[in-house]
Every structure is written in structure tokens, then in C-alpha cells.
């Protein structure tokens, strides 16, 4: 069996660390079945956001949204955001479409993701 890793970039690791311990354990527990799904399917049950050849997946866990992408070693978690944060974001953007479509088309969301990537590169 191939090694599978769930990699948290510094931004998503910090977001997870700020949460209460019970919530951290719940979120990490939801990743249990992820290795088999990532390696064997097209991740149809997850939301998808596409931009310029890049695809992020959205994993809902209670009131949180985990944004990740496939990686040769498993997955890289880019952000863990409260659903309320995303609702506020969508409301402020006034986009009359679903959550994934709204975020996919909004450059500010991708700047949020890239900011986490930039923080990783600096460390």
C-alpha cells in the first residue's frame, strides 16, 4: 500500500490550532476515509473549484469548510474556514449562485488561497 499524507500548510495548521481541541479531533477524524477516496475516485462527493488548470476540493465538516487539493503524497490542506465566514464572503460579493460557483469565480477567494501558499514559501 502506498504512503498517504495529509499535509497542512502553515495557514491551515494555524487555523486548526486556534480551534477547541474537541473540534480539532472531530475535523481530523473526518479525514479517516479520505486516503481510499482520494486514491480510488474522482472525489465526486466533494465540492470543486477550478481556476487556470488548478482544482481545489471542498470538504464540509459541520460548520467548517476544508479546502484541499490532491498531491502526489496525498492531499494538501490550504484553508479551514468557518461556514459563517464563507456565507459572509458570499453575501458581501452579492453572487446569486451556489457556494462553490461563487468562490470559484471570485478572485478574492483565490487570493486567500494564494496567501496561504505564499506563507508556506517564506518558511
N, C-alpha and C. Protein backbone atom coordinates (compact mmCIF):
# COMPACT_ATOMS: atom_id res chain seq x y z
N UNK A 1 0.84 -1.19 0.00
CA UNK A 1 0.00 0.00 0.00
C UNK A 1 0.88 1.25 0.00
N UNK A 2 0.47 2.20 -0.77
CA UNK A 2 1.19 3.46 -0.92
C UNK A 2 1.01 4.35 0.31
N UNK A 3 2.06 5.07 0.68
CA UNK A 3 2.01 6.01 1.79
C UNK A 3 1.09 7.17 1.42
N UNK A 4 0.25 7.59 2.36
CA UNK A 4 -0.68 8.69 2.13
C UNK A 4 -0.49 9.72 3.24
N UNK A 5 -0.34 10.97 2.85
CA UNK A 5 -0.16 12.04 3.83
C UNK A 5 -1.22 13.11 3.68
N UNK A 6 -1.65 13.63 4.80
CA UNK A 6 -2.49 14.82 4.81
C UNK A 6 -1.59 15.94 5.29
N UNK A 7 -1.28 16.85 4.38
CA UNK A 7 -0.32 17.91 4.65
C UNK A 7 -1.08 19.21 4.91
N UNK A 8 -0.87 19.79 6.08
CA UNK A 8 -1.46 21.08 6.41
C UNK A 8 -0.40 22.14 6.17
N UNK A 9 -0.71 23.12 5.30
CA UNK A 9 0.24 24.20 5.13
C UNK A 9 0.22 25.05 6.41
N UNK A 10 1.15 25.98 6.59
CA UNK A 10 1.19 26.75 7.84
C UNK A 10 -0.11 27.49 8.16
N UNK A 11 -0.79 27.99 7.14
CA UNK A 11 -2.03 28.72 7.37
C UNK A 11 -3.13 27.81 7.88
N UNK A 12 -3.32 26.66 7.23
CA UNK A 12 -4.37 25.75 7.67
C UNK A 12 -4.02 25.12 9.02
N UNK A 13 -2.75 24.87 9.27
CA UNK A 13 -2.32 24.34 10.57
C UNK A 13 -2.63 25.34 11.68
N UNK A 14 -2.39 26.63 11.41
CA UNK A 14 -2.68 27.68 12.40
C UNK A 14 -4.19 27.79 12.63
N UNK A 15 -4.97 27.69 11.55
CA UNK A 15 -6.43 27.75 11.69
C UNK A 15 -6.93 26.59 12.55
N UNK A 16 -6.38 25.41 12.33
CA UNK A 16 -6.76 24.23 13.11
C UNK A 16 -6.33 24.40 14.57
N UNK A 17 -5.15 24.92 14.79
CA UNK A 17 -4.63 25.08 16.15
C UNK A 17 -5.45 26.07 16.98
N UNK A 18 -6.10 27.03 16.33
CA UNK A 18 -6.90 28.02 17.06
C UNK A 18 -8.25 27.47 17.51
N UNK A 19 -8.63 26.30 17.00
CA UNK A 19 -9.93 25.72 17.33
C UNK A 19 -9.86 24.96 18.65
N UNK A 20 -11.02 24.81 19.31
CA UNK A 20 -11.04 24.00 20.54
C UNK A 20 -10.60 22.55 20.23
N UNK A 21 -9.97 21.91 21.19
CA UNK A 21 -9.43 20.56 21.00
C UNK A 21 -10.48 19.58 20.47
N UNK A 22 -11.71 19.63 20.99
CA UNK A 22 -12.77 18.71 20.54
C UNK A 22 -13.04 18.88 19.04
N UNK A 23 -13.07 20.13 18.60
CA UNK A 23 -13.32 20.41 17.19
C UNK A 23 -12.14 19.95 16.34
N UNK A 24 -10.93 20.15 16.82
CA UNK A 24 -9.75 19.66 16.10
C UNK A 24 -9.85 18.15 15.89
N UNK A 25 -10.19 17.43 16.95
CA UNK A 25 -10.30 15.97 16.86
C UNK A 25 -11.42 15.55 15.91
N UNK A 26 -12.53 16.28 15.92
CA UNK A 26 -13.63 15.97 15.01
C UNK A 26 -13.19 16.16 13.56
N UNK A 27 -12.53 17.27 13.28
CA UNK A 27 -12.07 17.54 11.92
C UNK A 27 -11.06 16.50 11.47
N UNK A 28 -10.08 16.20 12.31
CA UNK A 28 -9.07 15.20 11.95
C UNK A 28 -9.71 13.82 11.78
N UNK A 29 -10.70 13.51 12.60
CA UNK A 29 -11.39 12.23 12.49
C UNK A 29 -12.13 12.07 11.17
N UNK A 30 -12.60 13.16 10.61
CA UNK A 30 -13.32 13.11 9.34
C UNK A 30 -12.40 12.76 8.17
N UNK A 31 -11.10 12.88 8.38
CA UNK A 31 -10.15 12.56 7.32
C UNK A 31 -9.87 11.06 7.22
N UNK A 32 -10.40 10.25 8.14
CA UNK A 32 -10.09 8.82 8.18
C UNK A 32 -10.30 8.10 6.85
N UNK A 33 -11.42 8.30 6.20
CA UNK A 33 -11.70 7.59 4.95
C UNK A 33 -11.14 8.26 3.72
N UNK A 34 -10.54 9.41 3.90
CA UNK A 34 -10.06 10.19 2.76
C UNK A 34 -8.99 9.50 1.92
N UNK A 35 -8.02 8.81 2.49
CA UNK A 35 -6.98 8.20 1.64
C UNK A 35 -7.54 7.27 0.56
N UNK A 36 -8.45 6.40 0.93
CA UNK A 36 -9.01 5.48 -0.06
C UNK A 36 -9.79 6.23 -1.13
N UNK A 37 -10.53 7.24 -0.71
CA UNK A 37 -11.33 8.01 -1.65
C UNK A 37 -10.46 8.80 -2.62
N UNK A 38 -9.43 9.44 -2.12
CA UNK A 38 -8.55 10.25 -2.97
C UNK A 38 -7.82 9.37 -3.98
N UNK A 39 -7.39 8.20 -3.55
CA UNK A 39 -6.61 7.34 -4.44
C UNK A 39 -7.47 6.57 -5.42
N UNK A 40 -8.76 6.38 -5.12
CA UNK A 40 -9.56 5.50 -5.97
C UNK A 40 -10.72 6.16 -6.71
N UNK A 41 -11.02 7.44 -6.45
CA UNK A 41 -12.16 8.06 -7.10
C UNK A 41 -11.81 9.44 -7.65
N UNK A 42 -12.83 10.03 -8.26
CA UNK A 42 -12.70 11.39 -8.80
C UNK A 42 -13.18 12.43 -7.79
N UNK A 43 -13.36 12.01 -6.54
CA UNK A 43 -13.78 12.91 -5.46
C UNK A 43 -15.11 13.61 -5.78
N UNK A 44 -16.04 12.85 -6.32
CA UNK A 44 -17.32 13.42 -6.72
C UNK A 44 -18.14 13.97 -5.57
N UNK A 45 -17.97 13.44 -4.36
CA UNK A 45 -18.81 13.90 -3.25
C UNK A 45 -18.34 15.23 -2.66
N UNK A 46 -17.19 15.71 -3.11
CA UNK A 46 -16.65 16.97 -2.62
C UNK A 46 -16.96 18.09 -3.61
N UNK A 47 -17.09 19.29 -3.08
CA UNK A 47 -17.24 20.45 -3.95
C UNK A 47 -15.95 20.66 -4.73
N UNK A 48 -16.06 21.25 -5.91
CA UNK A 48 -14.89 21.50 -6.74
C UNK A 48 -14.85 22.95 -7.16
N UNK A 49 -13.65 23.51 -7.09
CA UNK A 49 -13.43 24.87 -7.53
C UNK A 49 -12.26 24.83 -8.49
N UNK A 50 -12.48 25.32 -9.72
CA UNK A 50 -11.45 25.25 -10.75
C UNK A 50 -11.04 26.66 -11.18
N UNK A 51 -9.72 26.78 -11.42
CA UNK A 51 -9.22 28.05 -11.96
C UNK A 51 -7.86 27.81 -12.58
N UNK A 52 -7.73 28.21 -13.82
CA UNK A 52 -6.46 28.15 -14.55
C UNK A 52 -5.76 26.80 -14.39
N UNK A 53 -6.50 25.73 -14.60
CA UNK A 53 -5.93 24.39 -14.55
C UNK A 53 -5.73 23.82 -13.16
N UNK A 54 -6.07 24.58 -12.16
CA UNK A 54 -5.92 24.13 -10.77
C UNK A 54 -7.28 23.74 -10.23
N UNK A 55 -7.34 22.68 -9.42
CA UNK A 55 -8.60 22.27 -8.84
C UNK A 55 -8.46 22.09 -7.33
N UNK A 56 -9.30 22.82 -6.61
CA UNK A 56 -9.41 22.64 -5.17
C UNK A 56 -10.68 21.87 -4.89
N UNK A 57 -10.69 21.14 -3.80
CA UNK A 57 -11.87 20.42 -3.37
C UNK A 57 -12.31 21.00 -2.03
N UNK A 58 -13.63 20.99 -1.83
CA UNK A 58 -14.20 21.49 -0.59
C UNK A 58 -14.81 20.32 0.16
N UNK A 59 -14.42 20.17 1.41
CA UNK A 59 -14.85 19.10 2.28
C UNK A 59 -15.61 19.76 3.43
N UNK A 60 -16.91 19.47 3.55
CA UNK A 60 -17.71 20.06 4.63
C UNK A 60 -17.61 19.20 5.88
N UNK A 61 -17.32 19.86 6.99
CA UNK A 61 -17.29 19.20 8.29
C UNK A 61 -18.03 20.12 9.25
N UNK A 62 -19.28 19.79 9.52
CA UNK A 62 -20.09 20.64 10.40
C UNK A 62 -20.17 22.05 9.86
N UNK A 63 -19.77 23.01 10.67
CA UNK A 63 -19.83 24.42 10.28
C UNK A 63 -18.55 24.90 9.61
N UNK A 64 -17.69 23.97 9.22
CA UNK A 64 -16.41 24.33 8.62
C UNK A 64 -16.27 23.78 7.22
N UNK A 65 -15.46 24.46 6.43
CA UNK A 65 -15.15 24.04 5.07
C UNK A 65 -13.64 23.88 4.99
N UNK A 66 -13.22 22.72 4.54
CA UNK A 66 -11.79 22.43 4.39
C UNK A 66 -11.49 22.45 2.90
N UNK A 67 -10.57 23.30 2.48
CA UNK A 67 -10.20 23.42 1.07
C UNK A 67 -8.85 22.73 0.88
N UNK A 68 -8.84 21.74 -0.01
CA UNK A 68 -7.63 20.96 -0.23
C UNK A 68 -7.47 20.63 -1.70
N UNK A 69 -6.28 20.18 -2.05
CA UNK A 69 -6.05 19.68 -3.41
C UNK A 69 -5.21 18.42 -3.34
N UNK A 70 -5.35 17.62 -4.37
CA UNK A 70 -4.56 16.39 -4.45
C UNK A 70 -3.09 16.73 -4.58
N UNK A 71 -2.28 15.85 -4.05
CA UNK A 71 -0.83 16.00 -4.10
C UNK A 71 -0.27 14.61 -4.35
N UNK A 72 0.91 14.50 -4.89
CA UNK A 72 1.49 13.19 -5.17
C UNK A 72 1.61 12.33 -3.92
N UNK A 73 1.70 12.94 -2.74
CA UNK A 73 1.79 12.19 -1.49
C UNK A 73 0.44 11.98 -0.80
N UNK A 74 -0.60 12.66 -1.26
CA UNK A 74 -1.92 12.58 -0.64
C UNK A 74 -2.71 13.82 -0.93
N UNK A 75 -2.91 14.66 0.09
CA UNK A 75 -3.61 15.93 -0.09
C UNK A 75 -2.90 17.03 0.68
N UNK A 76 -3.06 18.26 0.18
CA UNK A 76 -2.56 19.44 0.86
C UNK A 76 -3.79 20.25 1.27
N UNK A 77 -3.91 20.52 2.56
CA UNK A 77 -5.00 21.33 3.09
C UNK A 77 -4.54 22.78 3.06
N UNK A 78 -5.30 23.61 2.32
CA UNK A 78 -4.93 25.02 2.18
C UNK A 78 -5.59 25.91 3.21
N UNK A 79 -6.88 25.69 3.47
CA UNK A 79 -7.60 26.54 4.42
C UNK A 79 -8.66 25.72 5.14
N UNK A 80 -8.97 26.11 6.38
CA UNK A 80 -10.09 25.58 7.15
C UNK A 80 -10.87 26.80 7.60
N UNK A 81 -12.02 27.01 6.98
CA UNK A 81 -12.78 28.24 7.22
C UNK A 81 -14.16 27.94 7.78
N UNK A 82 -14.63 28.79 8.66
CA UNK A 82 -15.96 28.67 9.20
C UNK A 82 -16.98 28.92 8.09
N UNK A 83 -18.05 28.14 8.12
CA UNK A 83 -19.12 28.32 7.13
C UNK A 83 -19.63 29.75 7.19
N UNK A 84 -19.73 30.30 8.38
CA UNK A 84 -20.22 31.67 8.52
C UNK A 84 -19.31 32.65 7.82
N UNK A 85 -18.01 32.41 7.85
CA UNK A 85 -17.08 33.26 7.13
C UNK A 85 -17.39 33.22 5.64
N UNK A 86 -17.64 32.02 5.11
CA UNK A 86 -17.94 31.89 3.69
C UNK A 86 -19.29 32.50 3.34
N UNK A 87 -20.27 32.34 4.21
CA UNK A 87 -21.57 32.96 3.95
C UNK A 87 -21.42 34.47 3.90
N UNK A 88 -20.69 35.02 4.85
CA UNK A 88 -20.46 36.46 4.85
C UNK A 88 -19.73 36.89 3.58
N UNK A 89 -18.73 36.12 3.20
CA UNK A 89 -17.97 36.40 1.98
C UNK A 89 -18.89 36.40 0.77
N UNK A 90 -19.72 35.37 0.67
CA UNK A 90 -20.65 35.26 -0.46
C UNK A 90 -21.66 36.41 -0.43
N UNK A 91 -22.19 36.72 0.74
CA UNK A 91 -23.16 37.80 0.86
C UNK A 91 -22.56 39.13 0.42
N UNK A 92 -21.35 39.42 0.89
CA UNK A 92 -20.69 40.68 0.52
C UNK A 92 -20.42 40.73 -0.98
N UNK A 93 -20.19 39.56 -1.58
CA UNK A 93 -19.92 39.52 -3.02
C UNK A 93 -21.19 39.62 -3.83
N UNK A 94 -22.34 39.43 -3.18
CA UNK A 94 -23.66 39.51 -3.85
C UNK A 94 -23.74 38.62 -5.08
N UNK A 95 -23.28 37.42 -4.97
CA UNK A 95 -23.33 36.50 -6.11
C UNK A 95 -24.52 35.56 -5.97
N UNK A 96 -25.43 35.56 -6.96
CA UNK A 96 -26.64 34.74 -6.88
C UNK A 96 -26.40 33.31 -7.39
N UNK A 97 -25.48 32.60 -6.78
CA UNK A 97 -25.18 31.23 -7.21
C UNK A 97 -24.73 30.43 -6.01
N UNK A 98 -24.44 29.15 -6.21
CA UNK A 98 -24.01 28.28 -5.13
C UNK A 98 -22.65 28.67 -4.58
N UNK A 99 -22.35 28.12 -3.42
CA UNK A 99 -21.10 28.44 -2.71
C UNK A 99 -19.87 28.16 -3.57
N UNK A 100 -19.80 26.97 -4.17
CA UNK A 100 -18.61 26.63 -4.95
C UNK A 100 -18.46 27.52 -6.17
N UNK A 101 -19.57 27.75 -6.88
CA UNK A 101 -19.51 28.59 -8.07
C UNK A 101 -19.13 30.02 -7.73
N UNK A 102 -19.70 30.52 -6.63
CA UNK A 102 -19.40 31.89 -6.21
C UNK A 102 -17.92 32.04 -5.90
N UNK A 103 -17.39 31.10 -5.15
CA UNK A 103 -15.98 31.18 -4.77
C UNK A 103 -15.06 30.97 -5.96
N UNK A 104 -15.43 30.03 -6.81
CA UNK A 104 -14.61 29.71 -7.97
C UNK A 104 -14.40 30.92 -8.87
N UNK A 105 -15.41 31.75 -8.98
CA UNK A 105 -15.36 32.91 -9.87
C UNK A 105 -14.82 34.17 -9.20
N UNK A 106 -14.62 34.13 -7.90
CA UNK A 106 -14.22 35.35 -7.20
C UNK A 106 -12.71 35.36 -6.98
N UNK A 107 -12.01 36.32 -7.58
CA UNK A 107 -10.56 36.39 -7.44
C UNK A 107 -10.10 36.56 -5.99
N UNK A 108 -10.93 37.16 -5.14
CA UNK A 108 -10.54 37.35 -3.74
C UNK A 108 -10.38 36.01 -3.02
N UNK A 109 -11.21 35.03 -3.38
CA UNK A 109 -11.07 33.70 -2.77
C UNK A 109 -9.72 33.11 -3.14
N UNK A 110 -9.34 33.21 -4.40
CA UNK A 110 -8.07 32.64 -4.85
C UNK A 110 -6.88 33.38 -4.24
N UNK A 111 -7.05 34.68 -3.99
CA UNK A 111 -6.01 35.44 -3.29
C UNK A 111 -5.85 34.91 -1.87
N UNK A 112 -6.97 34.54 -1.23
CA UNK A 112 -6.95 33.95 0.10
C UNK A 112 -6.17 32.64 0.09
N UNK A 113 -6.38 31.82 -0.92
CA UNK A 113 -5.68 30.54 -1.06
C UNK A 113 -4.20 30.79 -1.35
N UNK A 114 -3.91 31.71 -2.26
CA UNK A 114 -2.52 32.00 -2.61
C UNK A 114 -1.75 32.62 -1.46
N UNK A 115 -2.45 33.37 -0.59
CA UNK A 115 -1.77 33.95 0.57
C UNK A 115 -1.23 32.85 1.46
N UNK A 116 -1.98 31.75 1.58
CA UNK A 116 -1.50 30.62 2.37
C UNK A 116 -0.30 29.97 1.68
N UNK A 117 -0.34 29.91 0.38
CA UNK A 117 0.78 29.32 -0.37
C UNK A 117 2.03 30.18 -0.23
N UNK A 118 1.86 31.50 -0.28
CA UNK A 118 2.99 32.41 -0.12
C UNK A 118 3.61 32.29 1.26
N UNK A 119 2.77 32.12 2.29
CA UNK A 119 3.26 31.96 3.65
C UNK A 119 4.09 30.69 3.77
N UNK A 120 3.69 29.65 3.04
CA UNK A 120 4.43 28.37 3.05
C UNK A 120 5.80 28.56 2.40
N UNK A 121 5.85 29.30 1.31
CA UNK A 121 7.11 29.50 0.58
C UNK A 121 8.12 30.30 1.40
N UNK A 122 7.63 31.20 2.26
CA UNK A 122 8.53 32.03 3.06
C UNK A 122 9.18 31.26 4.21
N UNK A 123 8.50 30.19 4.66
CA UNK A 123 9.01 29.43 5.81
C UNK A 123 10.06 28.44 5.42
